[in-house]
Protein backbone atom coordinates (compact mmCIF):
# COMPACT_ATOMS: atom_id res chain seq x y z
CA ASP A 1 100.82 88.28 -37.94
CA ALA A 2 104.39 87.03 -39.11
CA PHE A 3 105.10 84.96 -42.39
CA VAL A 4 106.25 81.27 -41.61
CA ARG A 5 109.78 80.22 -42.59
CA GLY A 6 109.81 77.58 -45.63
CA GLU A 7 106.17 78.45 -46.55
CA ASP A 8 105.63 80.77 -49.44
CA ALA A 9 104.56 84.36 -48.16
CA VAL A 10 102.25 85.95 -50.33
CA LEU A 11 100.60 89.78 -50.47
CA THR A 12 97.97 90.73 -53.18
CA ALA A 13 97.45 94.37 -53.89
CA ASN A 14 94.03 95.22 -55.49
CA PHE A 15 93.69 98.48 -57.54
CA ALA A 16 90.18 99.90 -58.62
CA SER A 17 91.52 101.33 -61.74
CA ASP A 18 93.40 99.76 -64.79
CA GLN A 19 96.96 99.64 -63.95
CA SER A 20 97.58 96.67 -66.49
CA ALA A 21 100.13 98.44 -68.46
CA SER A 22 102.00 99.08 -65.38
CA THR A 23 105.11 96.75 -64.34
CA PHE A 24 105.25 95.70 -60.71
CA THR A 25 108.18 94.49 -59.02
CA GLY A 26 108.99 93.40 -55.18
CA SER A 27 111.71 92.74 -52.97
CA VAL A 28 113.06 91.84 -49.49
CA ALA A 29 116.11 93.46 -47.68
CA LEU A 30 118.04 93.24 -44.58
CA SER A 31 116.98 97.24 -43.97
CA PRO A 32 115.54 100.31 -45.52
CA ASP A 33 118.91 101.51 -46.49
CA ALA A 34 120.66 97.93 -47.70
CA ASP A 35 123.04 98.08 -50.68
CA ALA A 36 121.40 95.00 -51.95
CA ASN A 37 118.07 93.09 -52.01
CA ILE A 38 118.25 89.41 -50.51
CA ALA A 39 115.07 88.06 -52.44
CA GLU A 40 112.71 89.15 -55.03
CA PHE A 41 108.88 88.47 -55.15
CA VAL A 42 107.17 86.21 -57.80
CA VAL A 43 104.84 88.89 -59.69
CA ASN A 44 101.49 87.58 -60.89
CA GLU A 45 99.00 90.40 -62.20
CA GLY A 46 95.53 89.28 -62.92
CA ALA A 47 93.48 90.63 -65.71
CA TRP A 48 91.43 93.64 -65.03
CA ASP A 49 87.90 92.76 -64.94
CA GLY A 50 86.67 96.56 -65.40
CA THR A 51 86.62 97.14 -61.46
CA ASN A 52 89.61 95.69 -59.94
CA LEU A 53 92.96 94.55 -61.01
CA ALA A 54 94.79 92.05 -58.32
CA VAL A 55 98.34 91.72 -58.52
CA THR A 56 100.17 88.91 -56.32
CA PHE A 57 103.47 89.21 -54.62
CA THR A 58 104.82 85.60 -53.72
CA LEU A 59 108.14 85.20 -51.88
CA PRO A 60 108.38 80.97 -52.29
CA GLY A 61 108.94 78.97 -49.32
CA ALA A 62 112.26 78.09 -50.39
CA THR A 63 113.99 81.17 -50.92
CA THR A 64 116.92 81.04 -48.27
CA LEU A 65 116.45 83.56 -45.66
CA PRO A 66 118.93 84.96 -43.20
CA GLU A 67 119.36 83.04 -39.96
CA ASP A 68 117.39 84.65 -37.01
CA ALA A 69 120.46 85.88 -35.50
CA ASP A 70 119.16 86.34 -31.64
CA ALA A 71 117.55 83.16 -31.46
CA ASP A 72 114.39 84.83 -30.50
CA GLY A 73 112.21 82.59 -33.53
CA LEU A 74 111.70 85.96 -35.67
CA SER A 75 113.47 87.57 -38.08
CA GLU A 76 112.48 90.64 -39.42
CA MET A 77 113.22 92.23 -42.80
CA VAL A 78 111.91 94.86 -44.87
CA PHE A 79 110.03 94.64 -48.20
CA SER A 80 109.33 96.93 -50.83
CA ILE A 81 106.61 96.68 -53.68
CA GLU A 82 107.11 99.20 -56.77
CA GLN A 83 104.81 100.04 -59.55
CA ASP A 84 107.19 101.42 -62.67
CA GLY A 85 109.91 102.04 -60.82
CA ARG A 86 108.08 103.83 -57.71
CA ARG A 87 107.65 102.28 -54.36
CA ILE A 88 104.07 102.23 -53.67
CA ILE A 89 103.85 99.92 -50.64
CA GLY A 90 106.61 99.36 -47.97
CA GLY A 91 107.22 97.92 -44.70
CA VAL A 92 108.44 95.28 -42.27
CA MET A 93 108.25 91.86 -43.00
CA PRO A 94 108.13 89.52 -39.92
CA ILE A 95 109.23 85.79 -40.54
CA SER A 96 108.75 83.10 -37.94
CA GLY A 97 110.59 79.67 -37.49
CA ALA A 98 114.01 78.72 -36.86
CA VAL A 99 116.69 77.86 -39.58
C-alpha cells in the first residue's frame, strides 16, 4: 500500500534482541544514488522489554515532498533505515495523492 500525502507515514521495526544501545536513523531520497536526502524520519525507540524492542520511524504528514511530476497520483521515493550508520532496511516508498 502507498503512504498518503499529508498523513504521517509510519514504519515500525521490531528487534528480538536488545538493541537499545544502537543509534537509529531514517531518511527519504529521490533515488538510491541521490546526493542528498529530501526528508528525515523522526525516530522513537521503545524500551527493551526482555523479548522485543520496537523502533518507530515517522515521516510527519506536514513534510514537504516533491510534486507528482507525471500527474498519475503516485510519487515514488526511496527510504533507508540505518542502525549505527549501516543500512538495515531500504526500499521504495510510494506516496499517493496530488500536491
